[in-house]
């Protein structure tokens, strides 16, 4: 049991090591020093710790794949995307991250809803709640970006860029939310394929018995 609990922290350890490597590369590649970047990368690396902490508090382990997915997303979005400039280098990187976020959040929502009695709900209501929860999380993220833009005078939502180019200033925000929901759709497809495959395997076992 103790070994299994230690295993739950592996995604956190990997996330922290990747963040450390990222900051070393960042300090070598970029001449200018950004305290925000150091803070963002360091704080984001600890996000996967949420899952083993919840498992310890509730005395019911959270599936390790959630920590792995979170660590991958943090590395791609925060380390590569923000610190090492992939958002600028690859125009579609932001959309890919929002889509991946939708997939990760939907998977996490499913696991925690099952813990909180969601398994007793009808399937339609259960998956609708996952969809709405992820849509709400996407909206809250856009609120967070909007707030950071105001406080730090940034342009994470590309409003200034859109106005300068004469395009729709809310296009980036709406596209991010829509792509996040595409990630949820991918999650539903994966669930459907997994259940269909499992059903076929059960039928094969029944026919062979």
N, C-alpha and C. Protein backbone atom coordinates (compact mmCIF):
# COMPACT_ATOMS: atom_id res chain seq x y z
N UNK A 1 0.83 -1.21 0.00
CA UNK A 1 0.00 0.00 0.00
C UNK A 1 0.87 1.26 0.00
N UNK A 2 1.97 1.22 0.82
CA UNK A 2 2.85 2.39 0.91
C UNK A 2 3.52 2.65 -0.43
N UNK A 3 3.94 1.56 -1.11
CA UNK A 3 4.58 1.70 -2.41
C UNK A 3 3.61 2.30 -3.42
N UNK A 4 2.35 1.90 -3.33
CA UNK A 4 1.34 2.42 -4.25
C UNK A 4 1.11 3.90 -4.02
N UNK A 5 1.15 4.34 -2.75
CA UNK A 5 0.98 5.76 -2.44
C UNK A 5 2.14 6.58 -2.99
N UNK A 6 3.35 6.03 -2.91
CA UNK A 6 4.51 6.73 -3.46
C UNK A 6 4.38 6.86 -4.97
N UNK A 7 3.85 5.82 -5.62
CA UNK A 7 3.66 5.84 -7.07
C UNK A 7 2.74 6.97 -7.49
N UNK A 8 1.75 7.28 -6.64
CA UNK A 8 0.80 8.35 -6.95
C UNK A 8 1.50 9.71 -7.10
N UNK A 9 2.68 9.84 -6.48
CA UNK A 9 3.40 11.12 -6.53
C UNK A 9 4.37 11.21 -7.70
N UNK A 10 4.52 10.14 -8.47
CA UNK A 10 5.45 10.15 -9.59
C UNK A 10 5.13 11.23 -10.63
N UNK A 11 3.85 11.44 -11.01
CA UNK A 11 3.57 12.53 -11.96
C UNK A 11 4.00 13.90 -11.43
N UNK A 12 3.88 14.10 -10.12
CA UNK A 12 4.29 15.37 -9.52
C UNK A 12 5.81 15.53 -9.62
N UNK A 13 6.53 14.46 -9.29
CA UNK A 13 8.00 14.50 -9.35
C UNK A 13 8.47 14.79 -10.77
N UNK A 14 7.88 14.09 -11.73
CA UNK A 14 8.24 14.31 -13.14
C UNK A 14 7.92 15.74 -13.57
N UNK A 15 6.76 16.24 -13.14
CA UNK A 15 6.35 17.60 -13.48
C UNK A 15 7.32 18.64 -12.94
N UNK A 16 7.78 18.44 -11.70
CA UNK A 16 8.72 19.37 -11.08
C UNK A 16 10.08 19.31 -11.79
N UNK A 17 10.53 18.12 -12.15
CA UNK A 17 11.81 17.97 -12.84
C UNK A 17 11.77 18.62 -14.22
N UNK A 18 10.65 18.45 -14.92
CA UNK A 18 10.48 19.07 -16.23
C UNK A 18 10.46 20.60 -16.11
N UNK A 19 9.82 21.10 -15.05
CA UNK A 19 9.78 22.54 -14.82
C UNK A 19 11.17 23.08 -14.54
N UNK A 20 11.95 22.34 -13.75
CA UNK A 20 13.32 22.76 -13.44
C UNK A 20 14.17 22.81 -14.71
N UNK A 21 14.03 21.79 -15.55
CA UNK A 21 14.78 21.75 -16.81
C UNK A 21 14.35 22.90 -17.72
N UNK A 22 13.06 23.18 -17.73
CA UNK A 22 12.53 24.27 -18.55
C UNK A 22 13.11 25.61 -18.12
N UNK A 23 13.16 25.85 -16.82
CA UNK A 23 13.67 27.13 -16.31
C UNK A 23 15.16 27.28 -16.59
N UNK A 24 15.89 26.16 -16.57
CA UNK A 24 17.32 26.22 -16.90
C UNK A 24 17.48 26.62 -18.37
N UNK A 25 16.70 25.98 -19.24
CA UNK A 25 16.76 26.31 -20.67
C UNK A 25 16.32 27.75 -20.90
N UNK A 26 15.27 28.17 -20.21
CA UNK A 26 14.76 29.53 -20.34
C UNK A 26 15.81 30.56 -19.96
N UNK A 27 16.52 30.30 -18.85
CA UNK A 27 17.54 31.25 -18.37
C UNK A 27 18.72 31.34 -19.32
N UNK A 28 18.97 30.25 -20.08
CA UNK A 28 20.09 30.24 -21.02
C UNK A 28 19.71 30.87 -22.35
N UNK A 29 18.51 30.55 -22.82
CA UNK A 29 18.07 30.99 -24.15
C UNK A 29 17.67 32.46 -24.18
N UNK A 30 16.96 32.90 -23.13
CA UNK A 30 16.43 34.27 -23.13
C UNK A 30 17.30 35.19 -22.28
N UNK A 31 17.55 36.35 -22.81
CA UNK A 31 18.39 37.34 -22.12
C UNK A 31 17.62 38.06 -21.02
N UNK A 32 16.34 38.34 -21.30
CA UNK A 32 15.55 39.10 -20.32
C UNK A 32 15.03 38.18 -19.22
N UNK A 33 14.91 38.74 -18.03
CA UNK A 33 14.46 37.98 -16.85
C UNK A 33 13.00 38.32 -16.58
N UNK A 34 12.17 37.30 -16.47
CA UNK A 34 10.76 37.49 -16.18
C UNK A 34 10.39 36.71 -14.93
N UNK A 35 10.15 37.44 -13.84
CA UNK A 35 9.77 36.79 -12.58
C UNK A 35 8.45 36.06 -12.72
N UNK A 36 7.55 36.59 -13.56
CA UNK A 36 6.24 35.96 -13.78
C UNK A 36 6.41 34.57 -14.38
N UNK A 37 7.33 34.45 -15.33
CA UNK A 37 7.57 33.15 -15.98
C UNK A 37 8.08 32.14 -14.97
N UNK A 38 9.04 32.54 -14.14
CA UNK A 38 9.58 31.63 -13.11
C UNK A 38 8.48 31.21 -12.13
N UNK A 39 7.66 32.16 -11.74
CA UNK A 39 6.58 31.86 -10.80
C UNK A 39 5.54 30.95 -11.45
N UNK A 40 5.18 31.24 -12.69
CA UNK A 40 4.16 30.47 -13.38
C UNK A 40 4.59 29.01 -13.57
N UNK A 41 5.80 28.82 -14.07
CA UNK A 41 6.30 27.47 -14.32
C UNK A 41 6.42 26.69 -13.01
N UNK A 42 6.92 27.34 -11.97
CA UNK A 42 7.09 26.67 -10.66
C UNK A 42 5.75 26.28 -10.05
N UNK A 43 4.80 27.20 -10.09
CA UNK A 43 3.49 26.92 -9.50
C UNK A 43 2.72 25.87 -10.30
N UNK A 44 2.77 25.98 -11.61
CA UNK A 44 2.04 25.03 -12.47
C UNK A 44 2.55 23.61 -12.29
N UNK A 45 3.85 23.46 -12.03
CA UNK A 45 4.43 22.12 -11.86
C UNK A 45 3.82 21.37 -10.68
N UNK A 46 3.26 22.10 -9.73
CA UNK A 46 2.69 21.47 -8.54
C UNK A 46 1.22 21.10 -8.69
N UNK A 47 0.61 21.47 -9.80
CA UNK A 47 -0.82 21.18 -10.01
C UNK A 47 -1.13 19.69 -9.92
N UNK A 48 -0.32 18.79 -10.52
CA UNK A 48 -0.63 17.36 -10.40
C UNK A 48 -0.68 16.84 -8.97
N UNK A 49 -0.12 17.62 -8.02
CA UNK A 49 -0.14 17.19 -6.61
C UNK A 49 -1.55 17.19 -6.04
N UNK A 50 -2.46 17.87 -6.72
CA UNK A 50 -3.85 17.92 -6.25
C UNK A 50 -4.42 16.52 -6.09
N UNK A 51 -4.10 15.64 -7.03
CA UNK A 51 -4.72 14.30 -7.04
C UNK A 51 -4.24 13.41 -5.90
N UNK A 52 -2.93 13.27 -5.65
CA UNK A 52 -2.52 12.46 -4.49
C UNK A 52 -2.93 13.08 -3.16
N UNK A 53 -3.00 14.42 -3.10
CA UNK A 53 -3.45 15.06 -1.86
C UNK A 53 -4.90 14.71 -1.58
N UNK A 54 -5.74 14.79 -2.61
CA UNK A 54 -7.14 14.41 -2.45
C UNK A 54 -7.25 12.94 -2.05
N UNK A 55 -6.42 12.10 -2.67
CA UNK A 55 -6.44 10.68 -2.33
C UNK A 55 -6.06 10.44 -0.87
N UNK A 56 -5.08 11.21 -0.38
CA UNK A 56 -4.64 11.06 1.01
C UNK A 56 -5.71 11.54 1.99
N UNK A 57 -6.33 12.68 1.67
CA UNK A 57 -7.35 13.26 2.56
C UNK A 57 -8.59 12.38 2.61
N UNK A 58 -9.01 11.89 1.46
CA UNK A 58 -10.24 11.08 1.39
C UNK A 58 -9.98 9.60 1.66
N UNK A 59 -8.68 9.23 1.74
CA UNK A 59 -8.29 7.83 1.95
C UNK A 59 -8.82 6.93 0.85
N UNK A 60 -8.90 7.49 -0.34
CA UNK A 60 -9.31 6.73 -1.51
C UNK A 60 -8.51 7.25 -2.70
N UNK A 61 -7.61 6.42 -3.19
CA UNK A 61 -6.67 6.86 -4.20
C UNK A 61 -7.35 7.29 -5.50
N UNK A 62 -6.84 8.37 -6.06
CA UNK A 62 -7.30 8.87 -7.34
C UNK A 62 -6.51 8.14 -8.43
N UNK A 63 -7.15 7.68 -9.51
CA UNK A 63 -6.42 6.99 -10.58
C UNK A 63 -5.21 7.79 -11.05
N UNK A 64 -4.06 7.12 -11.14
CA UNK A 64 -2.81 7.81 -11.45
C UNK A 64 -2.82 8.42 -12.85
N UNK A 65 -3.67 7.91 -13.73
CA UNK A 65 -3.66 8.45 -15.09
C UNK A 65 -4.08 9.91 -15.12
N UNK A 66 -4.86 10.36 -14.13
CA UNK A 66 -5.25 11.77 -14.07
C UNK A 66 -4.03 12.64 -13.78
N UNK A 67 -3.17 12.18 -12.88
CA UNK A 67 -1.94 12.91 -12.59
C UNK A 67 -1.02 12.95 -13.79
N UNK A 68 -0.97 11.85 -14.53
CA UNK A 68 -0.13 11.78 -15.73
C UNK A 68 -0.64 12.75 -16.79
N UNK A 69 -1.96 12.75 -17.02
CA UNK A 69 -2.55 13.67 -18.00
C UNK A 69 -2.30 15.12 -17.60
N UNK A 70 -2.46 15.41 -16.30
CA UNK A 70 -2.24 16.78 -15.81
C UNK A 70 -0.79 17.19 -16.00
N UNK A 71 0.14 16.29 -15.72
CA UNK A 71 1.58 16.59 -15.86
C UNK A 71 1.93 16.86 -17.33
N UNK A 72 1.35 16.07 -18.23
CA UNK A 72 1.58 16.27 -19.66
C UNK A 72 1.06 17.63 -20.10
N UNK A 73 -0.16 17.96 -19.64
CA UNK A 73 -0.76 19.24 -20.02
C UNK A 73 0.05 20.42 -19.49
N UNK A 74 0.50 20.32 -18.25
CA UNK A 74 1.31 21.39 -17.65
C UNK A 74 2.60 21.58 -18.44
N UNK A 75 3.25 20.47 -18.80
CA UNK A 75 4.49 20.55 -19.55
C UNK A 75 4.28 21.21 -20.91
N UNK A 76 3.23 20.80 -21.61
CA UNK A 76 2.97 21.34 -22.95
C UNK A 76 2.51 22.80 -22.90
N UNK A 77 1.63 23.11 -21.95
CA UNK A 77 1.03 24.45 -21.91
C UNK A 77 1.91 25.47 -21.21
N UNK A 78 2.43 25.11 -20.04
CA UNK A 78 3.19 26.08 -19.25
C UNK A 78 4.68 26.09 -19.62
N UNK A 79 5.29 24.91 -19.63
CA UNK A 79 6.73 24.84 -19.88
C UNK A 79 7.06 25.18 -21.34
N UNK A 80 6.50 24.38 -22.26
CA UNK A 80 6.79 24.63 -23.67
C UNK A 80 6.03 25.85 -24.19
N UNK A 81 4.75 25.94 -23.86
CA UNK A 81 3.91 27.00 -24.41
C UNK A 81 4.29 28.39 -23.94
N UNK A 82 4.26 28.61 -22.63
CA UNK A 82 4.51 29.95 -22.09
C UNK A 82 5.99 30.28 -21.96
N UNK A 83 6.74 29.41 -21.26
CA UNK A 83 8.14 29.72 -20.97
C UNK A 83 9.03 29.68 -22.22
N UNK A 84 8.86 28.65 -23.04
CA UNK A 84 9.75 28.48 -24.19
C UNK A 84 9.14 28.97 -25.51
N UNK A 85 8.00 29.63 -25.40
CA UNK A 85 7.46 30.36 -26.55
C UNK A 85 6.78 29.57 -27.64
N UNK A 86 6.28 28.36 -27.33
CA UNK A 86 5.63 27.56 -28.36
C UNK A 86 4.32 28.20 -28.85
N UNK A 87 3.69 29.01 -27.97
CA UNK A 87 2.46 29.69 -28.40
C UNK A 87 2.73 30.63 -29.58
N UNK A 88 3.92 31.21 -29.59
CA UNK A 88 4.30 32.12 -30.68
C UNK A 88 4.87 31.36 -31.87
N UNK A 89 5.63 30.30 -31.58
CA UNK A 89 6.27 29.53 -32.64
C UNK A 89 5.26 28.72 -33.45
N UNK A 90 4.25 28.17 -32.76
CA UNK A 90 3.25 27.32 -33.42
C UNK A 90 1.88 27.95 -33.20
N UNK A 91 1.30 28.60 -34.20
CA UNK A 91 0.03 29.33 -34.04
C UNK A 91 -1.12 28.48 -33.49
N UNK A 92 -1.14 27.20 -33.82
CA UNK A 92 -2.23 26.34 -33.38
C UNK A 92 -1.99 25.74 -31.99
N UNK A 93 -0.86 26.05 -31.37
CA UNK A 93 -0.51 25.45 -30.07
C UNK A 93 -1.56 25.77 -29.01
N UNK A 94 -2.06 27.00 -29.00
CA UNK A 94 -3.06 27.41 -28.01
C UNK A 94 -4.35 26.60 -28.16
N UNK A 95 -4.78 26.39 -29.39
CA UNK A 95 -6.00 25.61 -29.63
C UNK A 95 -5.82 24.15 -29.21
N UNK A 96 -4.63 23.61 -29.50
CA UNK A 96 -4.35 22.23 -29.10
C UNK A 96 -4.42 22.09 -27.59
N UNK A 97 -3.88 23.08 -26.87
CA UNK A 97 -3.88 23.03 -25.41
C UNK A 97 -5.30 23.13 -24.84
N UNK A 98 -6.11 23.97 -25.45
CA UNK A 98 -7.50 24.08 -24.97
C UNK A 98 -8.27 22.79 -25.22
N UNK A 99 -8.02 22.17 -26.37
CA UNK A 99 -8.67 20.90 -26.65
C UNK A 99 -8.23 19.82 -25.68
N UNK A 100 -6.93 19.78 -25.39
CA UNK A 100 -6.39 18.79 -24.46
C UNK A 100 -6.92 19.04 -23.05
N UNK A 101 -7.06 20.32 -22.69
CA UNK A 101 -7.63 20.66 -21.38
C UNK A 101 -9.05 20.10 -21.25
N UNK A 102 -9.83 20.23 -22.32
CA UNK A 102 -11.20 19.70 -22.30
C UNK A 102 -11.21 18.20 -22.04
N UNK A 103 -10.29 17.49 -22.68
CA UNK A 103 -10.17 16.04 -22.49
C UNK A 103 -9.79 15.70 -21.06
N UNK A 104 -8.77 16.39 -20.53
CA UNK A 104 -8.28 16.12 -19.18
C UNK A 104 -9.34 16.45 -18.13
N UNK A 105 -9.98 17.61 -18.28
CA UNK A 105 -10.97 18.01 -17.28
C UNK A 105 -12.18 17.07 -17.30
N UNK A 106 -12.60 16.66 -18.48
CA UNK A 106 -13.74 15.74 -18.58
C UNK A 106 -13.42 14.41 -17.89
N UNK A 107 -12.19 13.92 -18.09
CA UNK A 107 -11.78 12.67 -17.43
C UNK A 107 -11.78 12.83 -15.91
N UNK A 108 -11.27 13.97 -15.43
CA UNK A 108 -11.24 14.22 -13.98
C UNK A 108 -12.65 14.37 -13.43
N UNK A 109 -13.51 15.07 -14.17
CA UNK A 109 -14.90 15.25 -13.74
C UNK A 109 -15.60 13.90 -13.61
N UNK A 110 -15.36 13.02 -14.55
CA UNK A 110 -15.97 11.69 -14.51
C UNK A 110 -15.56 10.93 -13.25
N UNK A 111 -14.25 10.93 -12.96
CA UNK A 111 -13.76 10.19 -11.80
C UNK A 111 -14.32 10.74 -10.49
N UNK A 112 -14.34 12.07 -10.34
CA UNK A 112 -14.80 12.65 -9.09
C UNK A 112 -16.32 12.57 -8.95
N UNK A 113 -17.04 12.64 -10.05
CA UNK A 113 -18.49 12.49 -9.98
C UNK A 113 -18.86 11.07 -9.54
N UNK A 114 -18.09 10.08 -9.99
CA UNK A 114 -18.33 8.71 -9.56
C UNK A 114 -18.09 8.57 -8.06
N UNK A 115 -17.12 9.32 -7.53
CA UNK A 115 -16.84 9.30 -6.10
C UNK A 115 -17.98 9.92 -5.30
N UNK A 116 -18.60 10.94 -5.88
CA UNK A 116 -19.64 11.69 -5.17
C UNK A 116 -21.04 11.19 -5.47
N UNK A 117 -21.15 9.96 -5.92
CA UNK A 117 -22.47 9.37 -6.13
C UNK A 117 -23.05 9.58 -7.51
N UNK A 118 -22.24 10.11 -8.43
CA UNK A 118 -22.75 10.35 -9.77
C UNK A 118 -23.07 9.08 -10.52
N UNK A 119 -22.49 7.94 -10.07
CA UNK A 119 -22.74 6.67 -10.74
C UNK A 119 -24.19 6.23 -10.64
N UNK A 120 -24.94 6.79 -9.68
CA UNK A 120 -26.35 6.42 -9.52
C UNK A 120 -27.26 7.22 -10.45
N UNK A 121 -26.69 8.21 -11.14
CA UNK A 121 -27.47 9.01 -12.08
C UNK A 121 -27.71 8.24 -13.37
N UNK A 122 -28.71 8.67 -14.13
CA UNK A 122 -28.91 8.11 -15.46
C UNK A 122 -27.74 8.54 -16.34
N UNK A 123 -27.38 7.69 -17.30
CA UNK A 123 -26.20 7.96 -18.12
C UNK A 123 -26.28 9.30 -18.83
N UNK A 124 -27.47 9.63 -19.35
CA UNK A 124 -27.63 10.89 -20.06
C UNK A 124 -27.31 12.08 -19.17
N UNK A 125 -27.86 12.07 -17.95
CA UNK A 125 -27.62 13.15 -17.00
C UNK A 125 -26.19 13.19 -16.53
N UNK A 126 -25.58 12.01 -16.36
CA UNK A 126 -24.20 11.90 -15.90
C UNK A 126 -23.25 12.56 -16.90
N UNK A 127 -23.40 12.22 -18.17
CA UNK A 127 -22.50 12.77 -19.19
C UNK A 127 -22.84 14.22 -19.53
N UNK A 128 -24.09 14.60 -19.37
CA UNK A 128 -24.45 16.00 -19.56
C UNK A 128 -23.79 16.85 -18.49
N UNK A 129 -23.74 16.35 -17.26
CA UNK A 129 -23.11 17.09 -16.17
C UNK A 129 -21.60 17.23 -16.41
N UNK A 130 -20.98 16.20 -16.96
CA UNK A 130 -19.56 16.28 -17.32
C UNK A 130 -19.35 17.37 -18.35
N UNK A 131 -20.22 17.39 -19.36
CA UNK A 131 -20.13 18.39 -20.43
C UNK A 131 -20.28 19.80 -19.87
N UNK A 132 -21.29 20.00 -19.03
CA UNK A 132 -21.54 21.34 -18.47
C UNK A 132 -20.43 21.76 -17.51
N UNK A 133 -19.89 20.81 -16.75
CA UNK A 133 -18.79 21.12 -15.83
C UNK A 133 -17.56 21.59 -16.59
N UNK A 134 -17.26 20.91 -17.69
CA UNK A 134 -16.09 21.28 -18.48
C UNK A 134 -16.31 22.62 -19.17
N UNK A 135 -17.53 22.84 -19.66
CA UNK A 135 -17.85 24.13 -20.28
C UNK A 135 -17.70 25.26 -19.26
N UNK A 136 -18.13 25.00 -18.02
CA UNK A 136 -17.97 26.00 -16.96
C UNK A 136 -16.52 26.27 -16.65
N UNK A 137 -15.70 25.21 -16.63
CA UNK A 137 -14.27 25.37 -16.37
C UNK A 137 -13.61 26.18 -17.48
N UNK A 138 -14.03 25.94 -18.72
CA UNK A 138 -13.49 26.70 -19.86
C UNK A 138 -13.84 28.18 -19.72
N UNK A 139 -15.08 28.46 -19.30
CA UNK A 139 -15.50 29.84 -19.12
C UNK A 139 -14.73 30.52 -17.99
N UNK A 140 -14.50 29.77 -16.89
CA UNK A 140 -13.74 30.32 -15.76
C UNK A 140 -12.29 30.62 -16.16
N UNK A 141 -11.73 29.77 -17.02
CA UNK A 141 -10.37 30.02 -17.48
C UNK A 141 -10.30 31.32 -18.28
N UNK A 142 -11.31 31.56 -19.11
CA UNK A 142 -11.33 32.80 -19.89
C UNK A 142 -11.50 34.02 -18.97
N UNK A 143 -12.25 33.86 -17.88
CA UNK A 143 -12.38 34.92 -16.89
C UNK A 143 -11.02 35.19 -16.24
N UNK A 144 -10.29 34.10 -15.96
CA UNK A 144 -8.96 34.22 -15.36
C UNK A 144 -8.02 34.98 -16.31
N UNK A 145 -8.03 34.62 -17.59
CA UNK A 145 -7.18 35.30 -18.57
C UNK A 145 -7.55 36.77 -18.68
N UNK A 146 -8.85 37.04 -18.68
CA UNK A 146 -9.32 38.42 -18.78
C UNK A 146 -8.84 39.24 -17.58
N UNK A 147 -8.94 38.64 -16.39
CA UNK A 147 -8.51 39.31 -15.16
C UNK A 147 -7.00 39.57 -15.17
N UNK A 148 -6.22 38.56 -15.62
CA UNK A 148 -4.77 38.73 -15.69
C UNK A 148 -4.38 39.81 -16.70
N UNK A 149 -5.12 39.87 -17.81
CA UNK A 149 -4.84 40.91 -18.81
C UNK A 149 -5.04 42.30 -18.23
N UNK A 150 -6.08 42.46 -17.41
CA UNK A 150 -6.36 43.76 -16.79
C UNK A 150 -5.28 44.13 -15.78
N UNK A 151 -4.93 43.15 -14.92
CA UNK A 151 -3.97 43.42 -13.85
C UNK A 151 -2.55 43.62 -14.40
N UNK A 152 -2.16 42.75 -15.34
CA UNK A 152 -0.77 42.78 -15.85
C UNK A 152 -0.64 43.52 -17.17
N UNK A 153 -1.76 44.08 -17.65
CA UNK A 153 -1.77 44.79 -18.93
C UNK A 153 -1.24 43.89 -20.05
N UNK A 154 -1.71 42.66 -20.04
CA UNK A 154 -1.31 41.71 -21.07
C UNK A 154 -2.37 41.59 -22.16
N UNK A 155 -2.20 40.57 -23.00
CA UNK A 155 -3.16 40.35 -24.08
C UNK A 155 -3.30 38.85 -24.36
N UNK A 156 -3.52 38.09 -23.28
CA UNK A 156 -3.66 36.64 -23.42
C UNK A 156 -4.86 36.28 -24.29
N UNK A 157 -5.89 37.13 -24.25
CA UNK A 157 -7.08 36.87 -25.06
C UNK A 157 -7.02 37.51 -26.45
N UNK A 158 -5.90 38.11 -26.75
CA UNK A 158 -5.63 38.67 -28.08
C UNK A 158 -6.67 39.72 -28.52
N UNK A 159 -7.18 40.44 -27.55
CA UNK A 159 -8.15 41.49 -27.87
C UNK A 159 -7.46 42.66 -28.57
N UNK A 160 -6.33 43.10 -27.99
CA UNK A 160 -5.58 44.21 -28.59
C UNK A 160 -5.10 43.84 -29.99
N UNK A 161 -4.63 42.61 -30.12
CA UNK A 161 -4.15 42.13 -31.42
C UNK A 161 -5.26 42.13 -32.45
N UNK A 162 -6.45 41.67 -32.03
CA UNK A 162 -7.59 41.61 -32.94
C UNK A 162 -8.03 43.01 -33.38
N UNK A 163 -8.08 43.94 -32.42
CA UNK A 163 -8.47 45.31 -32.75
C UNK A 163 -7.47 45.93 -33.72
N UNK A 164 -6.19 45.69 -33.47
CA UNK A 164 -5.15 46.23 -34.35
C UNK A 164 -5.25 45.67 -35.76
N UNK A 165 -5.69 44.39 -35.85
CA UNK A 165 -5.81 43.75 -37.16
C UNK A 165 -7.18 43.94 -37.79
N UNK A 166 -8.09 44.60 -37.05
CA UNK A 166 -9.43 44.83 -37.57
C UNK A 166 -10.31 43.60 -37.60
N UNK A 167 -10.01 42.62 -36.72
CA UNK A 167 -10.81 41.41 -36.66
C UNK A 167 -11.67 41.40 -35.39
N UNK A 168 -12.48 40.37 -35.24
CA UNK A 168 -13.41 40.27 -34.11
C UNK A 168 -12.63 40.08 -32.81
N UNK A 169 -12.75 40.98 -31.84
CA UNK A 169 -11.97 40.89 -30.59
C UNK A 169 -12.38 39.76 -29.66
N UNK A 170 -13.58 39.19 -29.86
CA UNK A 170 -13.98 38.08 -28.98
C UNK A 170 -13.78 36.72 -29.67
N UNK A 171 -13.23 36.72 -30.87
CA UNK A 171 -13.06 35.47 -31.62
C UNK A 171 -12.16 34.49 -30.88
N UNK A 172 -11.06 34.97 -30.29
CA UNK A 172 -10.12 34.08 -29.60
C UNK A 172 -10.77 33.43 -28.39
N UNK A 173 -11.52 34.22 -27.61
CA UNK A 173 -12.19 33.70 -26.42
C UNK A 173 -13.20 32.62 -26.78
N UNK A 174 -14.04 32.90 -27.76
CA UNK A 174 -15.08 31.95 -28.15
C UNK A 174 -14.47 30.70 -28.79
N UNK A 175 -13.42 30.88 -29.57
CA UNK A 175 -12.76 29.73 -30.20
C UNK A 175 -12.14 28.82 -29.14
N UNK A 176 -11.53 29.42 -28.11
CA UNK A 176 -10.94 28.63 -27.03
C UNK A 176 -11.99 27.78 -26.34
N UNK A 177 -13.15 28.36 -26.05
CA UNK A 177 -14.22 27.61 -25.38
C UNK A 177 -14.73 26.49 -26.28
N UNK A 178 -14.94 26.80 -27.55
CA UNK A 178 -15.45 25.80 -28.49
C UNK A 178 -14.48 24.63 -28.63
N UNK A 179 -13.18 24.93 -28.74
CA UNK A 179 -12.17 23.88 -28.88
C UNK A 179 -12.09 23.03 -27.61
N UNK A 180 -12.28 23.66 -26.46
CA UNK A 180 -12.32 22.90 -25.20
C UNK A 180 -13.45 21.88 -25.24
N UNK A 181 -14.59 22.29 -25.77
CA UNK A 181 -15.73 21.37 -25.88
C UNK A 181 -15.47 20.28 -26.90
N UNK A 182 -14.63 20.56 -27.89
CA UNK A 182 -14.21 19.52 -28.83
C UNK A 182 -13.41 18.45 -28.06
N UNK A 183 -12.59 18.91 -27.10
CA UNK A 183 -11.85 17.97 -26.26
C UNK A 183 -12.79 17.07 -25.47
N UNK A 184 -13.91 17.62 -25.00
CA UNK A 184 -14.92 16.82 -24.30
C UNK A 184 -15.51 15.78 -25.25
N UNK A 185 -15.77 16.20 -26.48
CA UNK A 185 -16.31 15.28 -27.48
C UNK A 185 -15.36 14.11 -27.72
N UNK A 186 -14.06 14.41 -27.78
CA UNK A 186 -13.05 13.36 -27.95
C UNK A 186 -13.09 12.40 -26.76
N UNK A 187 -13.27 12.95 -25.57
CA UNK A 187 -13.38 12.12 -24.36
C UNK A 187 -14.58 11.18 -24.47
N UNK A 188 -15.72 11.70 -24.91
CA UNK A 188 -16.91 10.88 -25.07
C UNK A 188 -16.70 9.78 -26.10
N UNK A 189 -16.00 10.10 -27.18
CA UNK A 189 -15.71 9.11 -28.22
C UNK A 189 -14.84 7.99 -27.67
N UNK A 190 -13.83 8.38 -26.88
CA UNK A 190 -12.94 7.38 -26.27
C UNK A 190 -13.74 6.47 -25.34
N UNK A 191 -14.62 7.06 -24.53
CA UNK A 191 -15.45 6.27 -23.61
C UNK A 191 -16.33 5.31 -24.40
N UNK A 192 -16.92 5.80 -25.48
CA UNK A 192 -17.81 4.97 -26.31
C UNK A 192 -17.05 3.79 -26.92
N UNK A 193 -15.86 4.06 -27.45
CA UNK A 193 -15.05 3.01 -28.06
C UNK A 193 -14.63 1.98 -27.01
N UNK A 194 -14.23 2.48 -25.83
CA UNK A 194 -13.79 1.58 -24.76
C UNK A 194 -14.94 0.67 -24.31
N UNK A 195 -16.13 1.25 -24.17
CA UNK A 195 -17.28 0.45 -23.73
C UNK A 195 -17.71 -0.53 -24.80
N UNK A 196 -17.67 -0.10 -26.06
CA UNK A 196 -18.04 -1.00 -27.16
C UNK A 196 -17.06 -2.16 -27.26
N UNK A 197 -15.77 -1.84 -27.12
CA UNK A 197 -14.74 -2.88 -27.18
C UNK A 197 -14.89 -3.84 -26.01
N UNK A 198 -15.17 -3.29 -24.81
CA UNK A 198 -15.37 -4.13 -23.64
C UNK A 198 -16.57 -5.04 -23.78
N UNK A 199 -17.65 -4.51 -24.41
CA UNK A 199 -18.87 -5.30 -24.62
C UNK A 199 -18.59 -6.45 -25.58
N UNK A 200 -17.80 -6.19 -26.63
CA UNK A 200 -17.46 -7.23 -27.60
C UNK A 200 -16.59 -8.31 -26.95
N UNK A 201 -15.68 -7.88 -26.06
CA UNK A 201 -14.84 -8.85 -25.36
C UNK A 201 -15.68 -9.74 -24.46
N UNK A 202 -16.69 -9.15 -23.79
CA UNK A 202 -17.58 -9.93 -22.94
C UNK A 202 -18.35 -10.95 -23.77
N UNK A 203 -18.81 -10.55 -24.98
CA UNK A 203 -19.55 -11.46 -25.84
C UNK A 203 -18.67 -12.63 -26.30
N UNK A 204 -17.39 -12.34 -26.60
CA UNK A 204 -16.47 -13.39 -27.01
C UNK A 204 -16.26 -14.39 -25.89
N UNK A 205 -16.10 -13.87 -24.65
CA UNK A 205 -15.89 -14.77 -23.50
C UNK A 205 -17.11 -15.64 -23.27
N UNK A 206 -18.31 -15.04 -23.44
CA UNK A 206 -19.54 -15.80 -23.24
C UNK A 206 -19.69 -16.90 -24.29
N UNK A 207 -19.31 -16.59 -25.54
CA UNK A 207 -19.44 -17.58 -26.61
C UNK A 207 -18.43 -18.71 -26.49
N UNK A 208 -17.28 -18.42 -25.86
CA UNK A 208 -16.25 -19.44 -25.70
C UNK A 208 -16.45 -20.31 -24.47
N UNK A 209 -17.31 -19.82 -23.56
CA UNK A 209 -17.53 -20.59 -22.31
C UNK A 209 -18.56 -21.67 -22.49
